[in-house]
Every structure is written in C-alpha cells, then in structure tokens.
Amino acid sequence: MNKATLCTEQEISSLVHTFYERVTQDPLIGPIFADHVADWPSHLDKMVDFWSSTLRGTARFRGTPMVTHSRLEGLTQAHFHRWLALFQQTTQELDNAALRERANDLSLRIAQSLWYGYQMNRKTDALPLTL
C-alpha cells in the first residue's frame, strides 16, 4: 500500500483531534501543553499537517519539532511514555488497521527521537537513555 492510499485526510484529522482531546485532559502531560500551546486551532492544524506528511507523504508540514521540544523544561521519560500511551490508546480505536499499525510505528520512532534529542541538548556529557 502506498502512502497516499493508507488513509484519508479525515482519518488523520479525527486521529489528531481525538488524541489531543485526551492530551488536554491528561493530568501528567496536559499541563505542559496548556502552558505552551496558546492557539489550539492552529496547533491542531499543524499536527494534522505533520501526520498527513508522515502518513500520506503530503509534505505539508513546516516546523522544527526537535527545536520546539528541546526548549521545554523538566521533561522526563514518563512524559514521553504517557504521550505514547495516549497516542496508542487513540489508534486502537481506529477501524483502519494499516493506519493504526503505521501510526503506532511512527509514533514510537518520533517519541524516541524527540527523547534522544531532548537529552542530548540537556546532558551533553551523557549518553541518552532509550524509552
């Protein structure tokens, strides 16, 4: 299956909106997002573009996630684990099995990459830990 036929834009939009609804209500990571996302409609649009780019190959996303996340203070493995758990809880509800599998694979890689980058920017003299 090629990227363009993996899923629809509506499926991506639904995934993103459902996931971030959970994020905003989560006691561990919700406050971090509340402190750093001033314009939720724009953030959600950007996340739909991000997932459309990664899942469908649309190349719509413009941004620097590593830089953005590296600037945050006090993140721990628990925050990244919680993000992954909420994401995978959301994907488990998808009817599209191919989308569910691909999104889960990508989310794990993304979380690991951001966690590595975060540690490398904070602890330059130590090897990063895996999730």
Protein backbone atom coordinates (compact mmCIF):
# COMPACT_ATOMS: atom_id res chain seq x y z
CA MET A 1 0.00 0.00 0.00
CA ASN A 2 1.44 3.39 -0.90
CA LYS A 3 1.31 6.35 1.45
CA ALA A 4 -1.40 8.21 -0.46
CA THR A 5 -3.83 5.32 -0.10
CA LEU A 6 -3.02 4.39 3.50
CA CYS A 7 -5.72 6.64 4.89
CA THR A 8 -7.83 9.68 4.24
CA GLU A 9 -7.29 13.22 5.43
CA GLN A 10 -10.47 12.84 7.50
CA GLU A 11 -8.99 9.81 9.29
CA ILE A 12 -5.86 11.82 10.11
CA SER A 13 -7.87 14.80 11.31
CA SER A 14 -10.01 12.57 13.50
CA LEU A 15 -6.93 10.84 14.95
CA VAL A 16 -5.23 14.15 15.76
CA HIS A 17 -8.30 15.80 17.29
CA THR A 18 -9.21 12.75 19.38
CA PHE A 19 -5.63 12.34 20.58
CA TYR A 20 -5.21 15.97 21.60
CA GLU A 21 -8.55 15.96 23.38
CA ARG A 22 -7.07 13.20 25.55
CA VAL A 23 -3.81 15.10 25.93
CA THR A 24 -5.54 18.24 27.18
CA GLN A 25 -7.35 16.22 29.85
CA ASP A 26 -4.34 14.22 30.97
CA PRO A 27 -3.00 15.15 34.44
CA LEU A 28 0.64 14.45 33.53
CA ILE A 29 1.13 15.98 30.09
CA GLY A 30 -1.96 18.16 29.78
CA PRO A 31 -0.47 20.99 31.87
CA ILE A 32 2.67 21.07 29.70
CA PHE A 33 0.58 21.53 26.58
CA ALA A 34 -1.65 24.07 28.33
CA ASP A 35 1.42 26.12 29.24
CA HIS A 36 2.90 26.08 25.72
CA VAL A 37 0.01 25.99 23.25
CA ALA A 38 -1.64 29.39 23.06
CA ASP A 39 -3.66 28.80 19.88
CA TRP A 40 -5.18 25.31 19.86
CA PRO A 41 -6.85 25.57 16.43
CA SER A 42 -3.50 26.48 14.83
CA HIS A 43 -1.70 23.77 16.78
CA LEU A 44 -4.22 21.14 15.67
CA ASP A 45 -3.94 22.30 12.05
CA LYS A 46 -0.15 21.99 12.30
CA MET A 47 -0.42 18.50 13.81
CA VAL A 48 -2.83 17.40 11.06
CA ASP A 49 -0.26 18.67 8.53
CA PHE A 50 2.51 16.81 10.38
CA TRP A 51 0.66 13.49 10.42
CA SER A 52 -0.54 13.96 6.85
CA SER A 53 3.07 14.49 5.80
CA THR A 54 4.35 11.44 7.66
CA LEU A 55 1.47 9.09 6.90
CA ARG A 56 0.37 10.22 3.43
CA GLY A 57 3.53 11.89 2.13
CA THR A 58 1.80 15.22 1.50
CA ALA A 59 4.85 17.31 2.57
CA ARG A 60 2.55 19.95 4.08
CA PHE A 61 4.27 20.19 7.45
CA ARG A 62 6.64 23.06 8.11
CA GLY A 63 8.23 23.17 11.52
CA THR A 64 11.09 22.20 13.79
CA PRO A 65 9.74 19.72 16.35
CA MET A 66 13.17 18.91 17.78
CA VAL A 67 13.96 22.55 18.49
CA THR A 68 10.49 23.17 19.93
CA HIS A 69 10.63 20.18 22.29
CA SER A 70 14.25 20.78 23.30
CA ARG A 71 13.30 24.18 24.71
CA LEU A 72 10.83 22.71 27.19
CA GLU A 73 11.93 22.43 30.81
CA GLY A 74 11.61 19.38 33.03
CA LEU A 75 10.54 16.67 30.61
CA THR A 76 11.16 13.07 31.69
CA GLN A 77 10.79 9.60 30.25
CA ALA A 78 7.39 9.44 31.94
CA HIS A 79 6.12 12.33 29.81
CA PHE A 80 7.16 10.61 26.59
CA HIS A 81 5.73 7.28 27.76
CA ARG A 82 2.43 8.96 28.59
CA TRP A 83 2.32 10.67 25.18
CA LEU A 84 2.86 7.29 23.52
CA ALA A 85 0.25 5.57 25.68
CA LEU A 86 -2.38 8.18 24.84
CA PHE A 87 -1.49 8.04 21.17
CA GLN A 88 -1.73 4.25 21.07
CA GLN A 89 -4.98 4.33 23.04
CA THR A 90 -6.32 6.58 20.29
CA THR A 91 -5.02 4.45 17.42
CA GLN A 92 -6.51 1.30 18.97
CA GLU A 93 -9.92 2.78 18.27
CA LEU A 94 -9.23 3.17 14.54
CA ASP A 95 -11.05 0.89 12.12
CA ASN A 96 -8.20 1.20 9.60
CA ALA A 97 -5.69 -1.47 10.71
CA ALA A 98 -2.99 -0.35 8.26
CA LEU A 99 -3.23 3.22 9.54
CA ARG A 100 -3.17 2.01 13.14
CA GLU A 101 0.00 -0.04 12.57
CA ARG A 102 1.85 2.65 10.61
CA ALA A 103 0.88 5.45 13.02
CA ASN A 104 2.00 3.37 16.01
CA ASP A 105 5.34 2.58 14.37
CA LEU A 106 5.93 6.23 13.54
CA SER A 107 4.83 7.47 16.97
CA LEU A 108 7.36 5.22 18.67
CA ARG A 109 10.16 6.48 16.39
CA ILE A 110 9.10 10.09 16.85
CA ALA A 111 8.92 9.81 20.63
CA GLN A 112 12.31 8.09 20.79
CA SER A 113 13.89 10.67 18.50
CA LEU A 114 12.49 13.60 20.46
CA TRP A 115 13.53 12.00 23.75
CA TYR A 116 17.09 11.42 22.44
CA GLY A 117 17.28 14.98 21.14
CA TYR A 118 15.93 16.37 24.38
CA GLN A 119 18.56 14.54 26.42
CA MET A 120 21.38 15.43 24.03
CA ASN A 121 20.53 19.11 24.42
CA ARG A 122 20.33 18.88 28.22
CA LYS A 123 23.00 16.36 29.18
CA THR A 124 25.76 16.84 26.65
CA ASP A 125 28.20 14.71 28.64
CA ALA A 126 25.98 11.62 28.96
CA LEU A 127 24.65 9.06 26.54
CA PRO A 128 20.88 9.35 26.06
CA LEU A 129 18.57 6.75 27.58
CA THR A 130 16.09 4.84 25.46
CA LEU A 131 12.36 4.96 26.14
